[in-house]
Amino acid sequence: MPESVMEPLRATLFSGYIGQGPRVEEFEGALSARLGAPHALALNSATSGLQLALRLAGVGPGDEVITTPLTCAATNWAILAQGAVPVWADVDPATGNLDPRAIESLVTPKAKAVMVVHWGGYPADLDETWSVARRHGLKVIEDAAHAFGSTYKGVHVGTQSDFGVFSFQAIKHMTTVDGGLLLARDASAYSRGKRLRWYGIDREADPTDLRCENDVEEWGWKFHMNDVAATIGLEQLKHVDRIVALHRDNAAFYDRELRNIPGVELLALRRDRESASWIHTIKVDARDEFIAVMRSRGVMTSRVHERNDKHSTVAAWRRRLPQLDAFVARMVCIPVGWWVSEDDRQFIANSIRAGW
């Protein structure tokens, strides 16, 4: 957190208004300008953004959402919160992202949407996903929680699908302590989302209606961001390019240093997209032994997220996912964040080169 945040934060705290107000609007405007997306809603978390996106996409009880198990639980628990069913699609073994070729066979009359996760910040195959979705009338929701700063064919991820969701949680590239962003491509979905993020109240029609005194035509949640979080976000925006650049530089270093090491396989990267490198995944032989040996050398590595389909709460919908099985058996994430110094990353690379 930059020390420069303290002055504007103090001003907001003692402004007499700390709920959703002018700082939230300013933050949304700054994000819209940066991302080239006019319809931006600042929220209290990305999880809220995913659930709101699903509702705006028409997903309700009994509907199906085609999704990946390789993600934070928030991605798929939002589907459950809507009373819908996660339909697990296999992944591309080269990247860990949802494989568009797996979508077609999973479409049923109950399918309403596809949830696309950009694993670690590396953009998924969006053109192919959009093509399948259009053929079947499915909405596409991008979970870009890992991917603030990632681009697909020169355009920010999350901006071209029906909905895009970003996370500003504490450990992301930029943080509002906790928070999220929902982008909607359609103006009417955006307007509806503005109402649903705060109980369903139409604040544009009557900004003074704070107690639901006017009629609420559709109930909503308390998902909005407040001015305190937005103030932090505005200051973080000034520094996020530097943070993302450090992540990318560390990732590029590993890709150079770890190439051709026996037992190590790098993910396949394509030139038409750029990752924000929130995490850096490699595939290794004897993955559990690798983690243990690296820990003994002072290098913390992990899988970051447990595949969601292993949890008992979704046991009823398990299915065979051979490509995911193979990917997860070898995947591990190595330290790549802005705090990893040049000496640190060299030590990590040397530790891997020394074997396990």
Protein backbone atom coordinates (compact mmCIF):
# COMPACT_ATOMS: atom_id res chain seq x y z
CA MET A 1 0.00 0.00 0.00
CA PRO A 2 1.63 3.33 -0.99
CA GLU A 3 2.04 5.86 1.80
CA SER A 4 0.56 8.46 -0.53
CA VAL A 5 -2.87 6.98 0.14
CA MET A 6 -3.02 8.42 3.65
CA GLU A 7 -3.74 12.03 2.71
CA PRO A 8 -6.70 11.36 0.37
CA LEU A 9 -7.93 8.63 2.71
CA ARG A 10 -7.94 11.03 5.65
CA ALA A 11 -9.84 13.55 3.54
CA THR A 12 -12.51 10.97 2.73
CA LEU A 13 -12.78 9.69 6.28
CA PHE A 14 -13.42 13.19 7.60
CA SER A 15 -15.50 14.39 4.65
CA GLY A 16 -18.78 13.53 6.32
CA TYR A 17 -19.56 10.94 3.62
CA ILE A 18 -17.97 7.47 3.58
CA GLY A 19 -20.72 5.38 1.93
CA GLN A 20 -21.16 5.01 -1.81
CA GLY A 21 -20.71 8.53 -3.09
CA PRO A 22 -18.51 10.79 -5.21
CA ARG A 23 -15.29 8.79 -4.74
CA VAL A 24 -17.00 5.65 -6.03
CA GLU A 25 -18.21 7.51 -9.11
CA GLU A 26 -14.72 8.92 -9.65
CA PHE A 27 -13.18 5.46 -9.31
CA GLU A 28 -15.66 3.97 -11.77
CA GLY A 29 -14.90 6.75 -14.22
CA ALA A 30 -11.16 6.19 -13.92
CA LEU A 31 -11.56 2.45 -14.45
CA SER A 32 -13.86 2.96 -17.45
CA ALA A 33 -11.31 5.28 -19.05
CA ARG A 34 -8.43 2.92 -18.38
CA LEU A 35 -10.17 -0.21 -19.64
CA GLY A 36 -12.11 1.37 -22.48
CA ALA A 37 -15.36 0.06 -21.00
CA PRO A 38 -18.16 2.58 -20.43
CA HIS A 39 -20.34 0.48 -18.13
CA ALA A 40 -18.40 -0.09 -14.89
CA LEU A 41 -19.85 -0.92 -11.47
CA ALA A 42 -17.61 -0.83 -8.40
CA LEU A 43 -18.63 -3.46 -5.85
CA ASN A 44 -17.63 -4.80 -2.46
CA SER A 45 -16.01 -7.93 -3.95
CA ALA A 46 -15.46 -9.84 -7.15
CA THR A 47 -17.62 -12.62 -5.68
CA SER A 48 -20.51 -10.17 -5.57
CA GLY A 49 -19.68 -9.19 -9.14
CA LEU A 50 -19.89 -12.79 -10.32
CA GLN A 51 -23.24 -13.36 -8.68
CA LEU A 52 -24.61 -10.10 -10.02
CA ALA A 53 -23.33 -10.95 -13.51
CA LEU A 54 -25.04 -14.34 -13.36
CA ARG A 55 -28.34 -12.77 -12.38
CA LEU A 56 -28.07 -10.15 -15.12
CA ALA A 57 -27.32 -13.01 -17.53
CA GLY A 58 -30.64 -14.60 -16.62
CA VAL A 59 -29.17 -17.48 -14.61
CA GLY A 60 -31.51 -18.80 -11.94
CA PRO A 61 -32.52 -21.96 -10.08
CA GLY A 62 -32.02 -25.12 -12.11
CA ASP A 63 -30.11 -23.43 -14.92
CA GLU A 64 -26.66 -24.62 -15.96
CA VAL A 65 -23.41 -22.68 -16.26
CA ILE A 66 -20.48 -24.22 -18.11
CA THR A 67 -17.38 -23.49 -16.07
CA THR A 68 -13.95 -24.66 -15.00
CA PRO A 69 -13.08 -26.28 -11.66
CA LEU A 70 -9.56 -24.77 -11.75
CA THR A 71 -10.24 -21.48 -10.00
CA CYS A 72 -10.95 -19.85 -6.67
CA ALA A 73 -14.11 -21.25 -5.09
CA ALA A 74 -15.73 -17.82 -5.50
CA THR A 75 -16.15 -18.46 -9.23
CA ASN A 76 -18.36 -21.48 -8.82
CA TRP A 77 -19.92 -20.77 -5.44
CA ALA A 78 -21.52 -17.73 -7.11
CA ILE A 79 -23.23 -20.19 -9.46
CA LEU A 80 -24.51 -22.18 -6.49
CA ALA A 81 -25.73 -18.97 -4.85
CA GLN A 82 -27.99 -18.43 -7.85
CA GLY A 83 -29.43 -21.90 -7.41
CA ALA A 84 -27.79 -22.97 -10.66
CA VAL A 85 -25.66 -25.99 -11.53
CA PRO A 86 -21.95 -25.83 -12.43
CA VAL A 87 -21.23 -27.99 -15.48
CA TRP A 88 -17.54 -28.79 -15.45
CA ALA A 89 -15.61 -28.35 -18.67
CA ASP A 90 -12.13 -29.74 -19.22
CA VAL A 91 -9.12 -27.46 -19.55
CA ASP A 92 -6.49 -26.82 -22.17
CA PRO A 93 -3.52 -28.85 -20.88
CA ALA A 94 -1.12 -26.24 -22.27
CA THR A 95 -2.47 -23.36 -20.12
CA GLY A 96 -4.95 -24.62 -17.53
CA ASN A 97 -7.66 -22.39 -18.98
CA LEU A 98 -11.09 -23.66 -20.01
CA ASP A 99 -10.84 -25.50 -23.31
CA PRO A 100 -13.39 -24.05 -25.78
CA ARG A 101 -13.48 -27.40 -27.57
CA ALA A 102 -15.03 -28.92 -24.45
CA ILE A 103 -17.98 -26.51 -24.35
CA GLU A 104 -20.07 -27.71 -27.31
CA SER A 105 -20.85 -31.18 -25.99
CA LEU A 106 -21.94 -29.77 -22.62
CA VAL A 107 -24.65 -27.46 -23.94
CA THR A 108 -28.18 -28.50 -22.98
CA PRO A 109 -31.50 -26.62 -23.05
CA LYS A 110 -30.79 -25.62 -19.44
CA ALA A 111 -27.45 -23.96 -20.25
CA LYS A 112 -27.49 -20.18 -19.88
CA ALA A 113 -23.88 -19.03 -19.64
CA VAL A 114 -20.18 -19.87 -19.88
CA MET A 115 -17.84 -18.77 -17.09
CA VAL A 116 -14.31 -18.16 -18.38
CA VAL A 117 -11.42 -17.84 -15.93
CA HIS A 118 -8.07 -16.34 -16.96
CA TRP A 119 -5.90 -18.65 -14.85
CA GLY A 120 -3.05 -16.76 -13.22
CA GLY A 121 -3.77 -13.79 -15.47
CA TYR A 122 -3.10 -15.63 -18.74
CA PRO A 123 -5.97 -14.85 -21.15
CA ALA A 124 -8.17 -17.75 -22.18
CA ASP A 125 -9.13 -18.51 -25.79
CA LEU A 126 -11.90 -15.94 -26.08
CA ASP A 127 -12.57 -15.96 -29.83
CA GLU A 128 -13.33 -19.67 -29.79
CA THR A 129 -15.45 -19.33 -26.63
CA TRP A 130 -17.47 -16.46 -28.07
CA SER A 131 -18.08 -18.45 -31.25
CA VAL A 132 -19.56 -21.43 -29.38
CA ALA A 133 -21.56 -19.16 -27.08
CA ARG A 134 -23.10 -17.25 -29.99
CA ARG A 135 -24.15 -20.46 -31.71
CA HIS A 136 -26.09 -21.54 -28.63
CA GLY A 137 -27.31 -18.20 -27.29
CA LEU A 138 -25.13 -18.35 -24.16
CA LYS A 139 -23.87 -15.36 -22.20
CA VAL A 140 -20.13 -15.21 -21.56
CA ILE A 141 -18.87 -14.05 -18.16
CA GLU A 142 -15.14 -13.48 -17.76
CA ASP A 143 -13.76 -14.06 -14.28
CA ALA A 144 -10.75 -11.76 -14.58
CA ALA A 145 -9.93 -11.77 -10.87
CA HIS A 146 -6.32 -12.74 -11.68
CA ALA A 147 -6.09 -10.59 -14.77
CA PHE A 148 -6.16 -6.84 -14.16
CA GLY A 149 -3.73 -5.63 -16.82
CA SER A 150 -3.99 -8.71 -19.05
CA THR A 151 -4.76 -8.15 -22.73
CA TYR A 152 -6.22 -10.32 -25.48
CA LYS A 153 -5.29 -9.26 -29.01
CA GLY A 154 -4.39 -5.82 -27.71
CA VAL A 155 -7.59 -5.25 -25.74
CA HIS A 156 -8.09 -5.51 -21.98
CA VAL A 157 -9.66 -8.81 -20.94
CA GLY A 158 -13.10 -8.56 -19.40
CA THR A 159 -14.23 -5.76 -21.72
CA GLN A 160 -15.59 -7.59 -24.76
CA SER A 161 -17.75 -10.36 -23.30
CA ASP A 162 -21.25 -9.87 -21.95
CA PHE A 163 -19.76 -9.38 -18.49
CA GLY A 164 -16.28 -9.07 -17.00
CA VAL A 165 -15.40 -9.23 -13.31
CA PHE A 166 -12.19 -8.05 -11.62
CA SER A 167 -10.98 -8.43 -8.04
CA PHE A 168 -9.44 -5.74 -5.83
CA GLN A 169 -9.00 -8.09 -2.90
CA ALA A 170 -6.04 -7.63 -0.57
CA ILE A 171 -3.44 -9.65 -2.51
CA LYS A 172 -4.30 -8.69 -6.10
CA HIS A 173 -2.25 -6.41 -8.40
CA MET A 174 -4.20 -3.47 -7.04
CA THR A 175 -6.37 -3.48 -3.96
CA THR A 176 -9.14 -1.51 -2.32
CA VAL A 177 -8.55 -3.73 0.76
CA ASP A 178 -11.52 -5.67 -0.55
CA GLY A 179 -13.58 -4.89 -3.61
CA GLY A 180 -14.47 -5.78 -7.14
CA LEU A 181 -15.54 -4.44 -10.51
CA LEU A 182 -18.29 -5.59 -12.86
CA LEU A 183 -18.21 -4.55 -16.51
CA ALA A 184 -21.37 -4.93 -18.57
CA ARG A 185 -21.33 -4.66 -22.34
CA ASP A 186 -25.03 -3.84 -22.56
CA ALA A 187 -26.28 -0.46 -21.29
CA SER A 188 -29.57 -1.88 -20.01
CA ALA A 189 -27.77 -4.60 -18.03
CA TYR A 190 -25.52 -1.91 -16.56
CA SER A 191 -28.51 0.21 -15.49
CA ARG A 192 -30.21 -2.79 -13.93
CA GLY A 193 -26.97 -3.75 -12.19
CA LYS A 194 -26.70 -0.27 -10.67
CA ARG A 195 -30.06 -0.84 -9.02
CA LEU A 196 -29.44 -4.42 -7.94
CA ARG A 197 -26.11 -3.67 -6.27
CA TRP A 198 -27.97 -1.59 -3.63
CA TYR A 199 -31.25 -3.32 -2.73
CA GLY A 200 -32.85 -2.51 -6.10
CA ILE A 201 -33.22 1.18 -5.31
CA ASP A 202 -33.17 3.49 -8.34
CA ARG A 203 -30.88 6.21 -7.02
CA GLU A 204 -30.73 8.00 -10.33
CA ALA A 205 -34.49 8.47 -10.37
CA ASP A 206 -34.44 9.79 -6.78
CA PRO A 207 -31.03 10.24 -5.11
CA THR A 208 -32.72 11.13 -1.80
CA ASP A 209 -34.48 7.76 -1.43
CA LEU A 210 -32.19 6.11 1.11
CA ARG A 211 -34.82 4.07 2.97
CA CYS A 212 -36.72 2.36 0.15
CA GLU A 213 -39.61 4.80 0.52
CA ASN A 214 -40.19 4.68 -3.23
CA ASP A 215 -41.38 1.47 -4.81
CA VAL A 216 -38.68 -1.16 -5.41
CA GLU A 217 -39.65 -3.12 -8.51
CA GLU A 218 -36.90 -5.75 -8.21
CA TRP A 219 -35.05 -6.72 -5.05
CA GLY A 220 -31.29 -6.47 -4.95
CA TRP A 221 -28.32 -7.02 -2.66
CA LYS A 222 -25.98 -4.79 -0.70
CA PHE A 223 -23.05 -5.24 -3.06
CA HIS A 224 -21.90 -1.64 -3.59
CA MET A 225 -18.43 -0.24 -2.90
CA ASN A 226 -17.96 2.63 -0.43
CA ASP A 227 -15.98 5.85 -0.77
CA VAL A 228 -13.24 4.67 1.60
CA ALA A 229 -12.43 1.68 -0.60
CA ALA A 230 -12.73 3.78 -3.76
CA THR A 231 -10.29 6.35 -2.38
CA ILE A 232 -7.72 3.60 -1.86
CA GLY A 233 -8.44 2.29 -5.35
CA LEU A 234 -7.89 5.68 -6.97
CA GLU A 235 -4.47 5.92 -5.36
CA GLN A 236 -3.63 2.32 -6.26
CA LEU A 237 -4.42 3.02 -9.91
CA LYS A 238 -1.45 5.36 -10.02
CA HIS A 239 0.89 2.47 -9.18
CA VAL A 240 -0.69 -0.59 -10.79
CA ASP A 241 1.25 -0.37 -14.07
CA ARG A 242 4.52 -0.60 -12.14
CA ILE A 243 3.20 -3.55 -10.11
CA VAL A 244 2.05 -5.45 -13.19
CA ALA A 245 5.36 -4.73 -14.93
CA LEU A 246 7.29 -6.25 -12.02
CA HIS A 247 5.12 -9.37 -12.11
CA ARG A 248 5.66 -9.70 -15.86
CA ASP A 249 9.39 -9.17 -15.62
CA ASN A 250 9.71 -11.90 -12.99
CA ALA A 251 7.59 -14.26 -15.11
CA ALA A 252 9.69 -13.59 -18.20
CA PHE A 253 12.86 -14.26 -16.17
CA TYR A 254 11.55 -17.66 -15.09
CA ASP A 255 10.56 -18.55 -18.64
CA ARG A 256 14.14 -17.88 -19.74
CA GLU A 257 15.88 -19.51 -16.79
CA LEU A 258 13.74 -22.65 -16.45
CA ARG A 259 13.61 -23.59 -20.10
CA ASN A 260 15.14 -27.00 -20.88
CA ILE A 261 15.43 -28.07 -17.24
CA PRO A 262 14.63 -31.82 -16.97
CA GLY A 263 11.29 -32.39 -15.26
CA VAL A 264 10.06 -28.83 -15.84
CA GLU A 265 7.52 -27.84 -18.48
CA LEU A 266 6.54 -24.23 -19.12
CA LEU A 267 3.01 -23.24 -20.08
CA ALA A 268 2.41 -22.52 -23.75
CA LEU A 269 2.23 -18.77 -24.38
CA ARG A 270 0.78 -17.15 -27.50
CA ARG A 271 1.90 -13.84 -28.95
CA ASP A 272 -1.62 -12.44 -29.38
CA ARG A 273 -2.16 -12.07 -25.62
CA GLU A 274 -0.29 -10.78 -22.58
CA SER A 275 -0.64 -12.02 -19.04
CA ALA A 276 -0.63 -9.82 -15.96
CA SER A 277 1.19 -12.75 -14.30
CA TRP A 278 -0.63 -12.62 -10.98
CA ILE A 279 0.66 -16.11 -10.40
CA HIS A 280 3.22 -18.07 -12.40
CA THR A 281 2.41 -21.70 -13.06
CA ILE A 282 4.82 -24.33 -14.27
CA LYS A 283 4.41 -28.09 -14.61
CA VAL A 284 6.89 -30.39 -12.89
CA ASP A 285 7.42 -34.10 -12.45
CA ALA A 286 6.89 -35.43 -8.91
CA ARG A 287 5.04 -32.26 -7.97
CA ASP A 288 4.53 -33.03 -4.26
CA GLU A 289 8.21 -33.85 -3.82
CA PHE A 290 9.05 -30.62 -5.65
CA ILE A 291 6.96 -28.58 -3.20
CA ALA A 292 8.54 -30.30 -0.20
CA VAL A 293 12.11 -29.87 -1.43
CA MET A 294 11.56 -26.23 -2.39
CA ARG A 295 10.12 -25.57 1.07
CA SER A 296 13.21 -27.12 2.66
CA ARG A 297 15.29 -24.62 0.66
CA GLY A 298 13.18 -21.68 1.74
CA VAL A 299 11.11 -21.38 -1.45
CA MET A 300 7.36 -21.42 -0.90
CA THR A 301 5.43 -22.96 -3.78
CA SER A 302 1.84 -24.19 -3.95
CA ARG A 303 -1.14 -25.03 -6.15
CA VAL A 304 -2.84 -21.76 -5.01
CA HIS A 305 -6.38 -23.11 -5.51
CA GLU A 306 -7.83 -26.58 -5.00
CA ARG A 307 -9.87 -27.70 -7.98
CA ASN A 308 -13.46 -26.93 -7.03
CA ASP A 309 -15.02 -30.19 -8.23
CA LYS A 310 -13.29 -32.12 -5.44
CA HIS A 311 -15.40 -30.48 -2.72
CA SER A 312 -18.31 -32.43 -1.28
CA THR A 313 -20.69 -29.52 -1.78
CA VAL A 314 -20.60 -30.18 -5.56
CA ALA A 315 -20.14 -33.95 -5.42
CA ALA A 316 -23.40 -34.55 -7.32
CA TRP A 317 -21.97 -32.97 -10.50
CA ARG A 318 -18.54 -34.58 -10.75
CA ARG A 319 -17.51 -35.86 -14.17
CA ARG A 320 -14.39 -37.15 -15.90
CA LEU A 321 -11.93 -34.39 -16.78
CA PRO A 322 -8.80 -36.18 -18.00
CA GLN A 323 -6.97 -33.07 -19.22
CA LEU A 324 -7.56 -31.30 -15.90
CA ASP A 325 -6.42 -34.42 -14.03
CA ALA A 326 -3.16 -34.45 -15.96
CA PHE A 327 -2.63 -30.70 -15.57
CA VAL A 328 -3.32 -30.57 -11.84
CA ALA A 329 -1.07 -33.55 -11.16
CA ARG A 330 1.96 -31.55 -12.32
CA MET A 331 1.05 -27.88 -11.80
CA VAL A 332 2.73 -25.70 -9.21
CA CYS A 333 2.97 -21.94 -8.76
CA ILE A 334 6.27 -20.25 -7.95
CA PRO A 335 6.76 -16.78 -6.38
CA VAL A 336 6.36 -14.06 -9.02
CA GLY A 337 4.98 -11.00 -7.21
CA TRP A 338 6.30 -7.46 -7.17
CA TRP A 339 8.08 -8.21 -3.88
CA VAL A 340 10.32 -10.87 -5.51
CA SER A 341 13.69 -9.19 -6.02
CA GLU A 342 16.25 -10.03 -8.69
CA ASP A 343 18.29 -11.89 -6.08
CA ASP A 344 15.17 -13.75 -4.90
CA ARG A 345 14.20 -14.93 -8.36
CA GLN A 346 17.74 -16.04 -9.16
CA PHE A 347 17.78 -18.05 -5.93
CA ILE A 348 14.43 -19.62 -6.84
CA ALA A 349 15.62 -20.53 -10.33
CA ASN A 350 18.85 -21.98 -8.96
CA SER A 351 16.89 -24.00 -6.40
CA ILE A 352 14.75 -25.51 -9.15
CA ARG A 353 17.78 -26.17 -11.35
CA ALA A 354 19.41 -28.05 -8.46
CA GLY A 355 16.67 -30.67 -8.72
CA TRP A 356 14.31 -32.37 -6.31
